[in-house]
N, C-alpha and C. Protein backbone atom coordinates (compact mmCIF):
# COMPACT_ATOMS: atom_id res chain seq x y z
N MET A 1 0.83 -1.19 0.00
CA MET A 1 0.00 0.00 0.00
C MET A 1 0.88 1.25 0.00
N ASN A 2 0.53 2.20 -0.84
CA ASN A 2 1.24 3.48 -0.84
C ASN A 2 0.91 4.22 0.44
N ARG A 3 1.90 4.89 0.98
CA ARG A 3 1.67 5.67 2.20
C ARG A 3 1.52 7.14 1.82
N ILE A 4 0.77 7.83 2.61
CA ILE A 4 0.63 9.28 2.46
C ILE A 4 1.68 9.91 3.37
N ALA A 5 2.40 10.90 2.83
CA ALA A 5 3.48 11.54 3.58
C ALA A 5 3.07 12.93 4.05
N ILE A 6 3.57 13.28 5.22
CA ILE A 6 3.48 14.63 5.77
C ILE A 6 4.90 15.18 5.78
N LEU A 7 5.11 16.28 5.09
CA LEU A 7 6.42 16.91 5.01
C LEU A 7 6.42 18.19 5.85
N THR A 8 7.38 18.30 6.76
CA THR A 8 7.56 19.50 7.56
C THR A 8 8.77 20.24 7.04
N LEU A 9 8.55 21.44 6.50
CA LEU A 9 9.63 22.27 5.98
C LEU A 9 9.87 23.40 6.97
N GLU A 10 10.97 23.29 7.71
CA GLU A 10 11.31 24.24 8.78
C GLU A 10 12.82 24.28 8.90
N ASP A 11 13.42 25.48 8.82
CA ASP A 11 14.87 25.58 8.85
C ASP A 11 15.48 25.48 10.25
N GLU A 12 14.72 25.77 11.29
CA GLU A 12 15.26 25.69 12.64
C GLU A 12 15.10 24.27 13.16
N PRO A 13 16.22 23.57 13.41
CA PRO A 13 16.16 22.16 13.81
C PRO A 13 15.28 21.91 15.03
N GLU A 14 15.35 22.81 16.05
CA GLU A 14 14.55 22.59 17.26
C GLU A 14 13.06 22.68 16.97
N VAL A 15 12.69 23.62 16.11
CA VAL A 15 11.27 23.79 15.77
C VAL A 15 10.80 22.62 14.91
N ARG A 16 11.64 22.23 13.94
CA ARG A 16 11.29 21.08 13.09
C ARG A 16 11.10 19.83 13.95
N GLN A 17 12.01 19.61 14.91
CA GLN A 17 11.90 18.46 15.80
C GLN A 17 10.64 18.54 16.66
N ALA A 18 10.27 19.73 17.10
CA ALA A 18 9.06 19.89 17.90
C ALA A 18 7.81 19.56 17.09
N ILE A 19 7.78 20.02 15.85
CA ILE A 19 6.63 19.70 14.99
C ILE A 19 6.58 18.20 14.74
N MET A 20 7.72 17.60 14.42
CA MET A 20 7.77 16.16 14.16
C MET A 20 7.33 15.38 15.41
N ARG A 21 7.76 15.83 16.57
CA ARG A 21 7.35 15.19 17.82
C ARG A 21 5.83 15.29 18.00
N ASP A 22 5.29 16.47 17.69
CA ASP A 22 3.84 16.66 17.83
C ASP A 22 3.05 15.87 16.80
N LEU A 23 3.70 15.48 15.70
CA LEU A 23 3.04 14.67 14.66
C LEU A 23 3.11 13.18 14.96
N GLU A 24 3.80 12.81 16.01
CA GLU A 24 4.02 11.39 16.34
C GLU A 24 2.72 10.57 16.38
N PRO A 25 1.58 11.11 16.83
CA PRO A 25 0.35 10.31 16.81
C PRO A 25 -0.07 9.86 15.40
N PHE A 26 0.46 10.49 14.38
CA PHE A 26 0.12 10.16 13.00
C PHE A 26 1.13 9.18 12.37
N ALA A 27 2.21 8.88 13.07
CA ALA A 27 3.33 8.14 12.49
C ALA A 27 2.97 6.70 12.10
N ARG A 28 2.02 6.09 12.76
CA ARG A 28 1.67 4.70 12.41
C ARG A 28 0.94 4.63 11.08
N SER A 29 0.23 5.70 10.73
CA SER A 29 -0.58 5.70 9.51
C SER A 29 0.02 6.51 8.37
N PHE A 30 0.94 7.40 8.68
CA PHE A 30 1.48 8.31 7.69
C PHE A 30 3.00 8.33 7.75
N ARG A 31 3.60 8.61 6.64
CA ARG A 31 5.05 8.78 6.54
C ARG A 31 5.38 10.21 6.96
N LEU A 32 6.26 10.37 7.93
CA LEU A 32 6.65 11.70 8.40
C LEU A 32 8.04 12.02 7.87
N GLU A 33 8.17 13.17 7.22
CA GLU A 33 9.44 13.61 6.65
C GLU A 33 9.70 15.05 7.06
N GLY A 34 10.98 15.40 7.16
CA GLY A 34 11.37 16.76 7.48
C GLY A 34 12.35 17.29 6.45
N ALA A 35 12.36 18.61 6.28
CA ALA A 35 13.29 19.27 5.37
C ALA A 35 13.66 20.62 5.97
N GLU A 36 14.91 21.05 5.69
CA GLU A 36 15.38 22.30 6.29
C GLU A 36 15.32 23.50 5.37
N ASP A 37 15.19 23.27 4.05
CA ASP A 37 15.07 24.37 3.11
C ASP A 37 14.33 23.88 1.87
N ALA A 38 14.06 24.78 0.95
CA ALA A 38 13.25 24.44 -0.23
C ALA A 38 13.93 23.37 -1.08
N GLU A 39 15.25 23.45 -1.26
CA GLU A 39 15.96 22.46 -2.06
C GLU A 39 15.84 21.07 -1.42
N ASP A 40 16.04 21.03 -0.11
CA ASP A 40 15.91 19.78 0.63
C ASP A 40 14.47 19.24 0.49
N ALA A 41 13.49 20.13 0.57
CA ALA A 41 12.09 19.72 0.45
C ALA A 41 11.80 19.12 -0.93
N ARG A 42 12.37 19.72 -1.97
CA ARG A 42 12.19 19.17 -3.32
C ARG A 42 12.78 17.76 -3.42
N GLU A 43 13.94 17.57 -2.80
CA GLU A 43 14.56 16.24 -2.80
C GLU A 43 13.70 15.23 -2.04
N VAL A 44 13.16 15.65 -0.91
CA VAL A 44 12.29 14.76 -0.12
C VAL A 44 11.03 14.42 -0.92
N LEU A 45 10.44 15.42 -1.58
CA LEU A 45 9.26 15.14 -2.42
C LEU A 45 9.60 14.14 -3.52
N GLY A 46 10.78 14.28 -4.11
CA GLY A 46 11.22 13.33 -5.13
C GLY A 46 11.37 11.93 -4.58
N ALA A 47 11.93 11.82 -3.37
CA ALA A 47 12.10 10.51 -2.73
C ALA A 47 10.74 9.89 -2.39
N ILE A 48 9.81 10.70 -1.94
CA ILE A 48 8.45 10.21 -1.63
C ILE A 48 7.84 9.63 -2.90
N GLU A 49 7.92 10.37 -3.98
CA GLU A 49 7.36 9.91 -5.26
C GLU A 49 8.09 8.67 -5.77
N GLN A 50 9.41 8.67 -5.65
CA GLN A 50 10.21 7.53 -6.12
C GLN A 50 9.84 6.26 -5.36
N ASP A 51 9.49 6.39 -4.09
CA ASP A 51 9.10 5.24 -3.27
C ASP A 51 7.67 4.80 -3.56
N GLY A 52 6.96 5.54 -4.43
CA GLY A 52 5.58 5.20 -4.74
C GLY A 52 4.59 5.71 -3.72
N ASP A 53 5.04 6.59 -2.83
CA ASP A 53 4.16 7.17 -1.83
C ASP A 53 3.59 8.48 -2.35
N LEU A 54 2.67 9.05 -1.60
CA LEU A 54 2.00 10.30 -1.99
C LEU A 54 2.28 11.39 -0.97
N ALA A 55 2.69 12.56 -1.42
CA ALA A 55 2.80 13.71 -0.53
C ALA A 55 1.39 14.25 -0.35
N GLY A 56 0.89 14.18 0.87
CA GLY A 56 -0.48 14.61 1.14
C GLY A 56 -0.57 15.95 1.84
N LEU A 57 0.47 16.32 2.60
CA LEU A 57 0.42 17.54 3.40
C LEU A 57 1.82 18.09 3.58
N ILE A 58 1.93 19.41 3.41
CA ILE A 58 3.18 20.11 3.72
C ILE A 58 2.88 21.16 4.77
N LEU A 59 3.65 21.09 5.86
CA LEU A 59 3.62 22.11 6.90
C LEU A 59 4.87 22.95 6.66
N CYS A 60 4.69 24.20 6.28
CA CYS A 60 5.81 25.00 5.77
C CYS A 60 5.98 26.30 6.54
N ASP A 61 7.19 26.53 7.01
CA ASP A 61 7.56 27.80 7.63
C ASP A 61 7.65 28.86 6.53
N HIS A 62 7.52 30.12 6.91
CA HIS A 62 7.63 31.19 5.92
C HIS A 62 9.08 31.64 5.73
N ARG A 63 9.77 31.91 6.82
CA ARG A 63 11.15 32.40 6.74
C ARG A 63 12.10 31.22 6.59
N LEU A 64 12.63 31.07 5.38
CA LEU A 64 13.55 29.97 5.07
C LEU A 64 14.79 30.53 4.39
N PRO A 65 15.91 29.84 4.49
CA PRO A 65 17.10 30.30 3.77
C PRO A 65 16.92 30.12 2.26
N GLY A 66 17.28 31.14 1.50
CA GLY A 66 17.23 31.03 0.04
C GLY A 66 15.93 31.45 -0.59
N THR A 67 14.83 31.04 -0.06
CA THR A 67 13.51 31.40 -0.58
C THR A 67 12.52 31.40 0.57
N THR A 68 11.42 32.06 0.38
CA THR A 68 10.42 32.05 1.45
C THR A 68 9.51 30.83 1.30
N GLY A 69 8.86 30.49 2.38
CA GLY A 69 7.89 29.39 2.33
C GLY A 69 6.76 29.70 1.37
N VAL A 70 6.34 30.95 1.31
CA VAL A 70 5.27 31.34 0.40
C VAL A 70 5.72 31.12 -1.05
N ASP A 71 6.95 31.52 -1.38
CA ASP A 71 7.46 31.30 -2.73
C ASP A 71 7.54 29.81 -3.06
N PHE A 72 7.99 29.00 -2.10
CA PHE A 72 8.07 27.56 -2.30
C PHE A 72 6.67 26.98 -2.55
N LEU A 73 5.71 27.36 -1.74
CA LEU A 73 4.35 26.85 -1.91
C LEU A 73 3.74 27.31 -3.24
N ALA A 74 4.07 28.54 -3.65
CA ALA A 74 3.58 29.03 -4.94
C ALA A 74 4.16 28.21 -6.09
N GLN A 75 5.43 27.85 -6.00
CA GLN A 75 6.04 26.98 -7.02
C GLN A 75 5.33 25.63 -7.07
N LEU A 76 5.04 25.07 -5.90
CA LEU A 76 4.32 23.79 -5.86
C LEU A 76 2.93 23.93 -6.48
N GLU A 77 2.27 25.01 -6.19
CA GLU A 77 0.91 25.21 -6.68
C GLU A 77 0.88 25.30 -8.21
N ARG A 78 1.94 25.82 -8.80
CA ARG A 78 2.01 25.93 -10.26
C ARG A 78 2.29 24.59 -10.94
N ALA A 79 2.83 23.63 -10.20
CA ALA A 79 3.17 22.31 -10.76
C ALA A 79 1.95 21.39 -10.62
N GLU A 80 1.41 20.98 -11.73
CA GLU A 80 0.19 20.15 -11.76
C GLU A 80 0.26 18.96 -10.81
N GLU A 81 1.41 18.27 -10.80
CA GLU A 81 1.53 17.05 -9.98
C GLU A 81 1.54 17.33 -8.48
N HIS A 82 1.85 18.58 -8.09
CA HIS A 82 1.88 18.92 -6.67
C HIS A 82 0.65 19.69 -6.20
N ARG A 83 -0.22 20.05 -7.11
CA ARG A 83 -1.39 20.84 -6.73
C ARG A 83 -2.30 20.15 -5.71
N PRO A 84 -2.45 18.81 -5.76
CA PRO A 84 -3.33 18.16 -4.77
C PRO A 84 -2.81 18.17 -3.33
N ILE A 85 -1.52 18.43 -3.15
CA ILE A 85 -0.94 18.43 -1.80
C ILE A 85 -1.61 19.53 -0.98
N ARG A 86 -2.02 19.19 0.24
CA ARG A 86 -2.59 20.18 1.15
C ARG A 86 -1.42 20.98 1.74
N LYS A 87 -1.59 22.30 1.86
CA LYS A 87 -0.51 23.18 2.26
C LYS A 87 -0.92 24.02 3.47
N VAL A 88 -0.09 23.96 4.51
CA VAL A 88 -0.33 24.73 5.72
C VAL A 88 0.90 25.60 5.98
N LEU A 89 0.70 26.89 6.10
CA LEU A 89 1.78 27.82 6.44
C LEU A 89 1.86 27.89 7.96
N VAL A 90 3.01 27.50 8.51
CA VAL A 90 3.22 27.50 9.97
C VAL A 90 4.28 28.55 10.25
N THR A 91 3.88 29.70 10.77
CA THR A 91 4.86 30.77 10.93
C THR A 91 4.40 31.78 11.96
N GLY A 92 5.36 32.46 12.48
CA GLY A 92 5.08 33.58 13.37
C GLY A 92 5.59 34.86 12.76
N GLN A 93 6.08 34.81 11.50
CA GLN A 93 6.76 35.95 10.92
C GLN A 93 6.17 36.46 9.63
N ALA A 94 5.12 35.88 9.14
CA ALA A 94 4.53 36.38 7.89
C ALA A 94 3.70 37.61 8.22
N ASP A 95 3.88 38.65 7.42
CA ASP A 95 3.05 39.83 7.62
C ASP A 95 1.76 39.66 6.80
N HIS A 96 0.91 40.64 6.86
CA HIS A 96 -0.39 40.57 6.20
C HIS A 96 -0.24 40.32 4.69
N GLU A 97 0.69 41.03 4.06
CA GLU A 97 0.91 40.88 2.62
C GLU A 97 1.40 39.47 2.28
N ASP A 98 2.32 38.94 3.11
CA ASP A 98 2.81 37.57 2.90
C ASP A 98 1.67 36.57 3.00
N THR A 99 0.81 36.76 3.96
CA THR A 99 -0.30 35.83 4.17
C THR A 99 -1.26 35.87 2.99
N ILE A 100 -1.57 37.04 2.50
CA ILE A 100 -2.45 37.17 1.34
C ILE A 100 -1.82 36.49 0.13
N ARG A 101 -0.52 36.71 -0.07
CA ARG A 101 0.20 36.07 -1.18
C ARG A 101 0.20 34.56 -1.03
N ALA A 102 0.33 34.08 0.21
CA ALA A 102 0.31 32.63 0.45
C ALA A 102 -1.02 32.03 0.04
N ILE A 103 -2.08 32.74 0.31
CA ILE A 103 -3.42 32.26 -0.05
C ILE A 103 -3.63 32.34 -1.56
N ASN A 104 -3.31 33.49 -2.14
CA ASN A 104 -3.58 33.70 -3.56
C ASN A 104 -2.63 32.96 -4.49
N ALA A 105 -1.34 32.98 -4.19
CA ALA A 105 -0.36 32.36 -5.09
C ALA A 105 0.08 30.98 -4.62
N GLY A 106 0.12 30.79 -3.31
CA GLY A 106 0.63 29.53 -2.77
C GLY A 106 -0.43 28.48 -2.57
N GLY A 107 -1.68 28.86 -2.70
CA GLY A 107 -2.75 27.90 -2.55
C GLY A 107 -2.80 27.26 -1.17
N ILE A 108 -2.42 28.02 -0.12
CA ILE A 108 -2.44 27.41 1.20
C ILE A 108 -3.88 27.13 1.61
N HIS A 109 -4.01 26.08 2.39
CA HIS A 109 -5.31 25.65 2.86
C HIS A 109 -5.56 26.04 4.31
N HIS A 110 -4.48 26.38 5.01
CA HIS A 110 -4.62 26.78 6.40
C HIS A 110 -3.38 27.55 6.83
N TYR A 111 -3.56 28.41 7.81
CA TYR A 111 -2.47 29.20 8.39
C TYR A 111 -2.42 28.86 9.87
N LEU A 112 -1.27 28.43 10.35
CA LEU A 112 -1.10 28.09 11.76
C LEU A 112 -0.01 28.99 12.34
N PRO A 113 -0.39 29.88 13.26
CA PRO A 113 0.63 30.77 13.84
C PRO A 113 1.49 30.04 14.86
N LYS A 114 2.75 30.45 14.94
CA LYS A 114 3.65 29.97 15.99
C LYS A 114 3.50 30.92 17.18
N PRO A 115 3.60 30.44 18.37
CA PRO A 115 3.68 29.04 18.76
C PRO A 115 2.30 28.37 18.64
N TRP A 116 2.29 27.11 18.37
CA TRP A 116 1.07 26.34 18.20
C TRP A 116 0.87 25.45 19.43
N GLN A 117 -0.33 24.98 19.58
CA GLN A 117 -0.64 23.98 20.60
C GLN A 117 -0.74 22.63 19.89
N PRO A 118 -0.21 21.56 20.48
CA PRO A 118 -0.26 20.25 19.81
C PRO A 118 -1.68 19.86 19.39
N GLU A 119 -2.67 20.13 20.23
CA GLU A 119 -4.05 19.78 19.88
C GLU A 119 -4.52 20.54 18.65
N GLN A 120 -4.10 21.78 18.55
CA GLN A 120 -4.44 22.61 17.40
C GLN A 120 -3.78 22.05 16.13
N LEU A 121 -2.52 21.68 16.23
CA LEU A 121 -1.81 21.08 15.11
C LEU A 121 -2.48 19.78 14.70
N HIS A 122 -2.82 18.94 15.65
CA HIS A 122 -3.48 17.66 15.36
C HIS A 122 -4.79 17.88 14.61
N ALA A 123 -5.58 18.84 15.07
CA ALA A 123 -6.87 19.10 14.43
C ALA A 123 -6.68 19.56 12.98
N ILE A 124 -5.71 20.43 12.75
CA ILE A 124 -5.45 20.94 11.39
C ILE A 124 -4.94 19.81 10.50
N VAL A 125 -4.01 19.02 11.00
CA VAL A 125 -3.47 17.91 10.22
C VAL A 125 -4.58 16.92 9.90
N ARG A 126 -5.40 16.59 10.88
CA ARG A 126 -6.52 15.66 10.66
C ARG A 126 -7.47 16.20 9.58
N GLU A 127 -7.80 17.47 9.68
CA GLU A 127 -8.72 18.10 8.71
C GLU A 127 -8.11 18.10 7.30
N GLN A 128 -6.86 18.51 7.20
CA GLN A 128 -6.23 18.62 5.88
C GLN A 128 -6.00 17.25 5.24
N LEU A 129 -5.60 16.27 6.02
CA LEU A 129 -5.41 14.94 5.46
C LEU A 129 -6.74 14.29 5.09
N THR A 130 -7.79 14.58 5.85
CA THR A 130 -9.12 14.09 5.48
C THR A 130 -9.50 14.66 4.12
N GLU A 131 -9.27 15.95 3.92
CA GLU A 131 -9.57 16.57 2.63
C GLU A 131 -8.75 15.94 1.52
N PHE A 132 -7.47 15.65 1.79
CA PHE A 132 -6.62 15.02 0.78
C PHE A 132 -7.17 13.65 0.38
N VAL A 133 -7.51 12.84 1.37
CA VAL A 133 -8.02 11.50 1.09
C VAL A 133 -9.35 11.58 0.34
N LEU A 134 -10.22 12.49 0.74
CA LEU A 134 -11.52 12.63 0.07
C LEU A 134 -11.36 13.05 -1.39
N ALA A 135 -10.37 13.89 -1.66
CA ALA A 135 -10.19 14.40 -3.02
C ALA A 135 -9.35 13.48 -3.91
N SER A 136 -8.71 12.50 -3.31
CA SER A 136 -7.81 11.64 -4.08
C SER A 136 -8.45 10.29 -4.35
N ASP A 137 -7.69 9.47 -5.03
CA ASP A 137 -8.13 8.13 -5.38
C ASP A 137 -7.60 7.11 -4.36
N VAL A 138 -7.34 7.58 -3.15
CA VAL A 138 -6.79 6.75 -2.09
C VAL A 138 -7.92 6.01 -1.37
N ASP A 139 -7.68 4.75 -1.04
CA ASP A 139 -8.64 3.98 -0.24
C ASP A 139 -8.76 4.65 1.13
N PRO A 140 -9.94 5.13 1.50
CA PRO A 140 -10.10 5.83 2.77
C PRO A 140 -10.11 4.91 3.99
N MET A 141 -10.37 3.63 3.78
CA MET A 141 -10.56 2.71 4.90
C MET A 141 -9.41 2.71 5.92
N PRO A 142 -8.14 2.68 5.50
CA PRO A 142 -7.06 2.65 6.50
C PRO A 142 -6.97 3.91 7.36
N TYR A 143 -7.67 4.96 6.97
CA TYR A 143 -7.54 6.24 7.66
C TYR A 143 -8.77 6.61 8.51
N VAL A 144 -9.77 5.76 8.51
CA VAL A 144 -11.03 6.04 9.21
C VAL A 144 -10.80 6.30 10.71
N ALA A 145 -9.93 5.52 11.33
CA ALA A 145 -9.71 5.66 12.78
C ALA A 145 -8.82 6.85 13.13
N VAL A 146 -8.05 7.35 12.17
CA VAL A 146 -7.08 8.40 12.46
C VAL A 146 -7.59 9.79 12.06
N LEU A 147 -8.34 9.84 10.96
CA LEU A 147 -8.82 11.11 10.43
C LEU A 147 -10.30 11.29 10.78
N ASP A 148 -11.02 12.06 9.99
CA ASP A 148 -12.45 12.27 10.22
C ASP A 148 -13.20 11.05 9.67
N GLY A 149 -13.38 10.08 10.53
CA GLY A 149 -13.96 8.80 10.14
C GLY A 149 -15.33 8.92 9.52
N ALA A 150 -16.17 9.79 10.05
CA ALA A 150 -17.53 9.94 9.53
C ALA A 150 -17.50 10.42 8.08
N ARG A 151 -16.67 11.40 7.80
CA ARG A 151 -16.58 11.90 6.42
C ARG A 151 -15.99 10.85 5.49
N LEU A 152 -14.99 10.13 5.96
CA LEU A 152 -14.38 9.09 5.13
C LEU A 152 -15.36 7.94 4.88
N MET A 153 -16.15 7.58 5.89
CA MET A 153 -17.16 6.52 5.71
C MET A 153 -18.21 6.97 4.69
N GLY A 154 -18.47 8.26 4.64
CA GLY A 154 -19.38 8.79 3.62
C GLY A 154 -18.85 8.55 2.23
N LYS A 155 -17.55 8.70 2.05
CA LYS A 155 -16.93 8.43 0.76
C LYS A 155 -17.04 6.94 0.43
N ILE A 156 -16.81 6.12 1.42
CA ILE A 156 -16.92 4.66 1.22
C ILE A 156 -18.35 4.30 0.84
N GLY A 157 -19.31 4.92 1.51
CA GLY A 157 -20.73 4.65 1.23
C GLY A 157 -21.16 5.10 -0.16
N ARG A 158 -20.46 6.09 -0.71
CA ARG A 158 -20.80 6.58 -2.05
C ARG A 158 -20.11 5.75 -3.13
N GLY A 159 -19.40 4.69 -2.71
CA GLY A 159 -18.80 3.81 -3.71
C GLY A 159 -17.44 4.23 -4.18
N SER A 160 -16.60 4.74 -3.28
CA SER A 160 -15.25 5.08 -3.69
C SER A 160 -14.50 3.82 -4.09
N ARG A 161 -13.47 4.02 -4.84
CA ARG A 161 -12.65 2.89 -5.26
C ARG A 161 -11.87 2.38 -4.06
N ILE A 162 -11.98 1.09 -3.79
CA ILE A 162 -11.22 0.46 -2.71
C ILE A 162 -10.39 -0.65 -3.32
N ASP A 163 -9.10 -0.58 -3.12
CA ASP A 163 -8.18 -1.59 -3.67
C ASP A 163 -8.09 -2.78 -2.75
């Protein structure tokens, strides 16, 4: 079975580790990956695809070395193969203009301010991955217990493709 991956793009190792730690409840059902900059994130996305897995969610900081998170997300949004990925901007440093650009050009689906609460992060991840599964050709059954089970069961009841 192909796994759905969650990619955390954060240049500060302590913050990246904290997000990854907070994502641990999802580790049994999802592939967790981290990246420190946009180039590293592109390589991780390539490895996910090469392994036959699906990138389902990117949690992306705004202030990154070399390029901003908004610019990175906008590049992903322009690439047809990456458009289905759910995108969450996780930052404490984006100003109003950056946030608007993230929504309009980056196609972000949610904005999570730093510092976050683990429960808040869990709820956003659950919501965004549920949306990814509902919109994709992925069998929802393995995710019923972890994501929004009622919504996923609705997809199953409507005759989604189950492998």
